Amino acid sequence: MSGARAGVAAWHAYMDSDADAALLGAMVADDAVFHSPVVHSPQAGKTKVMLYLLSAAKVLGNDSFRYVREVIEGNDALLEFTAEIDGIHINGIDLIRFDDAGMIKDFKVMVRPLKAVNKLWEMMAAQLQAAG
């Protein structure tokens, strides 16, 4: 099994766990980097990556969230998702690079349309502030 296949399986287990921080921590590399659709600079290091991913799970983790397509090649995975928040349809992708052991090295989120990006910015800012 490739690093991405193992990593995607672990990611789905995490997503099905109601954002279990211990599961997430077990799959994020110490030197991981997160690229947010609403923050210009990359967020480097396990602590920051976990903060953003746990916050995103709280913002997006409702009954409407679904992964609708997966593309896996080598240690890279693209997971397309849909969700709805406050009546706004969100379509996005998680572009994840794993190491050979299936640990997350790089996580990039892209979202459309613009009103979805604006809604996520508003909700993520509130969630990150609440998380400290």
Protein backbone atom coordinates (compact mmCIF):
# COMPACT_ATOMS: atom_id res chain seq x y z
CA MET A 1 0.00 0.00 0.00
CA SER A 2 1.40 3.43 -0.96
CA GLY A 3 1.91 6.16 1.60
CA ALA A 4 -1.11 8.00 0.21
CA ARG A 5 -3.37 4.94 0.26
CA ALA A 6 -2.50 4.24 3.91
CA GLY A 7 -2.78 7.94 4.72
CA VAL A 8 -6.17 8.33 3.04
CA ALA A 9 -7.50 5.30 4.92
CA ALA A 10 -6.29 6.86 8.20
CA TRP A 11 -7.77 10.24 7.17
CA HIS A 12 -11.19 8.69 6.54
CA ALA A 13 -11.02 6.94 9.94
CA TYR A 14 -10.26 10.33 11.51
CA MET A 15 -13.14 12.01 9.64
CA ASP A 16 -15.50 9.25 10.83
CA SER A 17 -14.32 9.73 14.45
CA ASP A 18 -15.91 13.15 15.05
CA ALA A 19 -12.48 14.82 14.85
CA ASP A 20 -10.57 12.70 17.37
CA ALA A 21 -7.44 14.78 18.04
CA ALA A 22 -5.43 11.69 19.02
CA LEU A 23 -6.14 10.04 15.66
CA LEU A 24 -5.19 13.21 13.82
CA GLY A 25 -2.02 13.63 15.87
CA ALA A 26 -0.94 10.11 14.97
CA MET A 27 -0.98 10.96 11.25
CA VAL A 28 0.46 14.50 11.07
CA ALA A 29 4.24 14.72 10.60
CA ASP A 30 6.16 17.08 12.90
CA ASP A 31 7.24 19.19 9.91
CA ALA A 32 3.84 19.22 8.15
CA VAL A 33 2.58 22.35 6.38
CA PHE A 34 -1.04 23.52 5.98
CA HIS A 35 -2.23 25.82 3.18
CA SER A 36 -5.55 27.47 3.97
CA PRO A 37 -7.96 28.84 1.36
CA VAL A 38 -8.32 31.98 3.49
CA VAL A 39 -4.86 32.55 5.03
CA HIS A 40 -2.08 33.73 2.72
CA SER A 41 0.95 32.24 4.45
CA PRO A 42 1.51 28.50 4.89
CA GLN A 43 1.13 27.29 8.47
CA ALA A 44 4.14 25.14 9.37
CA GLY A 45 4.56 22.58 12.13
CA LYS A 46 2.41 19.85 13.60
CA THR A 47 0.79 22.10 16.24
CA LYS A 48 -0.43 24.67 13.70
CA VAL A 49 -1.51 22.05 11.17
CA MET A 50 -3.54 20.25 13.82
CA LEU A 51 -5.12 23.53 15.00
CA TYR A 52 -6.33 24.30 11.47
CA LEU A 53 -7.49 20.76 10.68
CA LEU A 54 -9.35 20.36 13.98
CA SER A 55 -10.97 23.79 13.52
CA ALA A 56 -11.97 22.93 9.95
CA ALA A 57 -13.55 19.69 11.14
CA LYS A 58 -15.69 21.67 13.61
CA VAL A 59 -16.71 24.19 10.94
CA LEU A 60 -17.37 21.70 8.12
CA GLY A 61 -18.21 18.59 10.13
CA ASN A 62 -21.95 18.57 9.72
CA ASP A 63 -24.28 15.99 8.18
CA SER A 64 -23.95 17.56 4.72
CA PHE A 65 -20.16 17.01 4.44
CA ARG A 66 -19.27 14.34 1.86
CA TYR A 67 -16.20 13.31 -0.05
CA VAL A 68 -17.39 12.81 -3.63
CA ARG A 69 -14.18 11.93 -5.48
CA GLU A 70 -10.68 10.63 -4.75
CA VAL A 71 -7.60 10.62 -6.93
CA ILE A 72 -4.51 8.91 -5.52
CA GLU A 73 -1.13 8.86 -7.24
CA GLY A 74 2.05 7.83 -5.43
CA ASN A 75 2.16 9.79 -2.17
CA ASP A 76 -0.37 12.41 -3.29
CA ALA A 77 -4.13 12.35 -2.82
CA LEU A 78 -6.84 14.71 -4.00
CA LEU A 79 -10.14 14.42 -2.14
CA GLU A 80 -13.05 16.47 -3.49
CA PHE A 81 -15.74 17.38 -0.98
CA THR A 82 -19.10 19.09 -0.78
CA ALA A 83 -20.87 20.57 2.22
CA GLU A 84 -23.47 23.15 3.10
CA ILE A 85 -23.23 25.79 5.83
CA ASP A 86 -25.99 28.33 6.49
CA GLY A 87 -27.55 27.55 3.11
CA ILE A 88 -24.29 28.10 1.22
CA HIS A 89 -23.09 25.20 -0.94
CA ILE A 90 -19.37 24.56 -0.58
CA ASN A 91 -17.28 22.61 -3.09
CA GLY A 92 -13.62 22.05 -2.39
CA ILE A 93 -10.61 19.81 -2.50
CA ASP A 94 -8.13 18.56 0.05
CA LEU A 95 -4.78 18.07 -1.71
CA ILE A 96 -2.64 16.00 0.61
CA ARG A 97 0.95 14.82 0.31
CA PHE A 98 1.91 11.91 2.52
CA ASP A 99 5.31 10.43 3.29
CA ASP A 100 6.04 6.77 2.58
CA ALA A 101 4.66 5.81 6.01
CA GLY A 102 1.31 7.56 5.37
CA MET A 103 2.02 10.62 7.53
CA ILE A 104 0.62 13.96 6.35
CA LYS A 105 3.45 16.20 5.10
CA ASP A 106 1.49 18.87 3.22
CA PHE A 107 -2.23 19.67 3.29
CA LYS A 108 -3.76 22.23 0.94
CA VAL A 109 -7.44 23.17 0.88
CA MET A 110 -9.09 24.93 -2.05
CA VAL A 111 -12.73 26.05 -1.94
CA ARG A 112 -15.28 27.52 -4.33
CA PRO A 113 -17.44 29.54 -4.95
CA LEU A 114 -16.42 32.92 -3.52
CA LYS A 115 -19.38 33.15 -1.13
CA ALA A 116 -18.29 29.77 0.30
CA VAL A 117 -14.74 31.07 0.79
CA ASN A 118 -16.13 34.14 2.57
CA LYS A 119 -18.35 32.02 4.83
CA LEU A 120 -15.45 29.69 5.68
CA TRP A 121 -13.20 32.67 6.43
CA GLU A 122 -15.80 34.05 8.85
CA MET A 123 -16.40 30.70 10.58
CA MET A 124 -12.76 29.60 10.69
CA ALA A 125 -11.70 32.95 12.18
CA ALA A 126 -14.26 32.50 14.96
CA GLN A 127 -13.24 28.86 15.53
CA LEU A 128 -9.51 29.63 15.60
CA GLN A 129 -10.08 32.51 18.01
CA ALA A 130 -12.13 30.24 20.27
CA ALA A 131 -9.39 27.58 20.12
CA GLY A 132 -6.89 30.13 21.36
